[in-house]
Amino acid sequence: MATEAEFQDASVRIKTLTARPSNDEMLQLYGLYKQASKGDASGKRPGALNMVARAKFDAWAGYQGLSAEDARSQYVQLVDALLARG
């Protein structure tokens, strides 16, 4: 399990990537970060015309029920994998 400090460190380290992650990876990062920091998705799902906000909401909602600890661990693992890739 990743600690809060490891999670915060990963959120800083991700900004040092030299190559931009794919859109799917960006959505994974977003969803895991929100789940770890805010818990389950709340609010109304954005409309179909707001595609970016809708995709981000769906990414977050995809982790519904995942504990903050597990979300932190998955986020740190994903950041580590992306950084190892370069």
C-alpha atoms as a PDB file:
ATOM      1  CA  MET A   1       0.000   0.000   0.000  1.00  0.00           C
ATOM      2  CA  ALA A   2       1.229   3.446  -0.894  1.00  0.00           C
ATOM      3  CA  THR A   3       1.363   6.025   1.864  1.00  0.00           C
ATOM      4  CA  GLU A   4      -0.031   9.531   1.519  1.00  0.00           C
ATOM      5  CA  ALA A   5       3.556  10.820   1.190  1.00  0.00           C
ATOM      6  CA  GLU A   6       4.307   8.378  -1.651  1.00  0.00           C
ATOM      7  CA  PHE A   7       1.079   9.429  -3.364  1.00  0.00           C
ATOM      8  CA  GLN A   8       1.943  13.131  -3.079  1.00  0.00           C
ATOM      9  CA  ASP A   9       5.482  12.423  -4.308  1.00  0.00           C
ATOM     10  CA  ALA A  10       4.098  10.542  -7.328  1.00  0.00           C
ATOM     11  CA  SER A  11       1.787  13.452  -8.165  1.00  0.00           C
ATOM     12  CA  VAL A  12       4.870  15.699  -8.304  1.00  0.00           C
ATOM     13  CA  ARG A  13       7.079  13.201 -10.169  1.00  0.00           C
ATOM     14  CA  ILE A  14       4.496  12.685 -12.930  1.00  0.00           C
ATOM     15  CA  LYS A  15       5.145  16.270 -14.051  1.00  0.00           C
ATOM     16  CA  THR A  16       8.728  15.305 -14.973  1.00  0.00           C
ATOM     17  CA  LEU A  17       7.679  12.993 -17.817  1.00  0.00           C
ATOM     18  CA  THR A  18       9.399  13.765 -21.092  1.00  0.00           C
ATOM     19  CA  ALA A  19       6.731  12.113 -23.252  1.00  0.00           C
ATOM     20  CA  ARG A  20       3.009  12.736 -22.854  1.00  0.00           C
ATOM     21  CA  PRO A  21       1.047   9.641 -21.763  1.00  0.00           C
ATOM     22  CA  SER A  22      -1.733   8.372 -24.025  1.00  0.00           C
ATOM     23  CA  ASN A  23      -5.238   9.712 -23.527  1.00  0.00           C
ATOM     24  CA  ASP A  24      -6.244   6.440 -21.843  1.00  0.00           C
ATOM     25  CA  GLU A  25      -3.308   6.700 -19.441  1.00  0.00           C
ATOM     26  CA  MET A  26      -4.148  10.336 -18.708  1.00  0.00           C
ATOM     27  CA  LEU A  27      -7.721   9.324 -17.887  1.00  0.00           C
ATOM     28  CA  GLN A  28      -6.455   6.513 -15.645  1.00  0.00           C
ATOM     29  CA  LEU A  29      -4.209   8.968 -13.808  1.00  0.00           C
ATOM     30  CA  TYR A  30      -7.076  11.410 -13.419  1.00  0.00           C
ATOM     31  CA  GLY A  31      -9.570   8.793 -12.218  1.00  0.00           C
ATOM     32  CA  LEU A  32      -7.168   7.254  -9.719  1.00  0.00           C
ATOM     33  CA  TYR A  33      -6.061  10.642  -8.408  1.00  0.00           C
ATOM     34  CA  LYS A  34      -9.650  11.790  -7.872  1.00  0.00           C
ATOM     35  CA  GLN A  35     -10.655   8.479  -6.266  1.00  0.00           C
ATOM     36  CA  ALA A  36      -7.655   8.620  -3.924  1.00  0.00           C
ATOM     37  CA  SER A  37      -8.178  12.245  -2.955  1.00  0.00           C
ATOM     38  CA  LYS A  38     -11.967  12.750  -3.129  1.00  0.00           C
ATOM     39  CA  GLY A  39     -13.537   9.282  -2.936  1.00  0.00           C
ATOM     40  CA  ASP A  40     -16.371   8.069  -5.149  1.00  0.00           C
ATOM     41  CA  ALA A  41     -17.491  10.285  -8.024  1.00  0.00           C
ATOM     42  CA  SER A  42     -20.256  12.653  -7.112  1.00  0.00           C
ATOM     43  CA  GLY A  43     -22.425  15.119  -8.928  1.00  0.00           C
ATOM     44  CA  LYS A  44     -24.185  14.904 -12.230  1.00  0.00           C
ATOM     45  CA  ARG A  45     -22.522  13.303 -15.232  1.00  0.00           C
ATOM     46  CA  PRO A  46     -21.677  16.015 -17.793  1.00  0.00           C
ATOM     47  CA  GLY A  47     -23.682  16.086 -20.999  1.00  0.00           C
ATOM     48  CA  ALA A  48     -22.576  14.488 -24.259  1.00  0.00           C
ATOM     49  CA  LEU A  49     -21.590  17.839 -25.756  1.00  0.00           C
ATOM     50  CA  ASN A  50     -18.924  18.339 -23.086  1.00  0.00           C
ATOM     51  CA  MET A  51     -16.838  15.358 -24.147  1.00  0.00           C
ATOM     52  CA  VAL A  52     -13.707  16.114 -22.109  1.00  0.00           C
ATOM     53  CA  ALA A  53     -15.568  16.636 -18.826  1.00  0.00           C
ATOM     54  CA  ARG A  54     -17.681  13.555 -19.525  1.00  0.00           C
ATOM     55  CA  ALA A  55     -14.610  11.389 -20.209  1.00  0.00           C
ATOM     56  CA  LYS A  56     -12.955  12.614 -17.011  1.00  0.00           C
ATOM     57  CA  PHE A  57     -16.101  11.982 -14.964  1.00  0.00           C
ATOM     58  CA  ASP A  58     -16.442   8.491 -16.453  1.00  0.00           C
ATOM     59  CA  ALA A  59     -12.774   7.742 -15.682  1.00  0.00           C
ATOM     60  CA  TRP A  60     -13.325   8.744 -12.052  1.00  0.00           C
ATOM     61  CA  ALA A  61     -16.641   6.883 -11.798  1.00  0.00           C
ATOM     62  CA  GLY A  62     -14.899   3.768 -13.151  1.00  0.00           C
ATOM     63  CA  TYR A  63     -13.121   3.461  -9.810  1.00  0.00           C
ATOM     64  CA  GLN A  64     -16.347   3.632  -7.785  1.00  0.00           C
ATOM     65  CA  GLY A  65     -15.969   1.653  -4.576  1.00  0.00           C
ATOM     66  CA  LEU A  66     -12.170   1.446  -4.713  1.00  0.00           C
ATOM     67  CA  SER A  67     -10.664   2.410  -1.373  1.00  0.00           C
ATOM     68  CA  ALA A  68      -8.462   5.491  -1.148  1.00  0.00           C
ATOM     69  CA  GLU A  69      -5.530   3.283  -0.161  1.00  0.00           C
ATOM     70  CA  ASP A  70      -5.920   1.031  -3.202  1.00  0.00           C
ATOM     71  CA  ALA A  71      -6.379   4.034  -5.501  1.00  0.00           C
ATOM     72  CA  ARG A  72      -3.201   5.609  -4.104  1.00  0.00           C
ATOM     73  CA  SER A  73      -1.272   2.382  -4.668  1.00  0.00           C
ATOM     74  CA  GLN A  74      -2.528   1.986  -8.234  1.00  0.00           C
ATOM     75  CA  TYR A  75      -1.741   5.647  -8.967  1.00  0.00           C
ATOM     76  CA  VAL A  76       1.830   5.301  -7.653  1.00  0.00           C
ATOM     77  CA  GLN A  77       2.331   2.086  -9.648  1.00  0.00           C
ATOM     78  CA  LEU A  78       1.071   3.751 -12.832  1.00  0.00           C
ATOM     79  CA  VAL A  79       3.300   6.801 -12.319  1.00  0.00           C
ATOM     80  CA  ASP A  80       6.299   4.533 -11.694  1.00  0.00           C
ATOM     81  CA  ALA A  81       5.547   2.562 -14.876  1.00  0.00           C
ATOM     82  CA  LEU A  82       5.191   5.712 -16.964  1.00  0.00           C
ATOM     83  CA  LEU A  83       8.420   7.183 -15.605  1.00  0.00           C
ATOM     84  CA  ALA A  84      10.287   3.909 -16.221  1.00  0.00           C
ATOM     85  CA  ARG A  85       9.100   3.982 -19.820  1.00  0.00           C
ATOM     86  CA  GLY A  86      10.558   7.442 -20.259  1.00  0.00           C
END
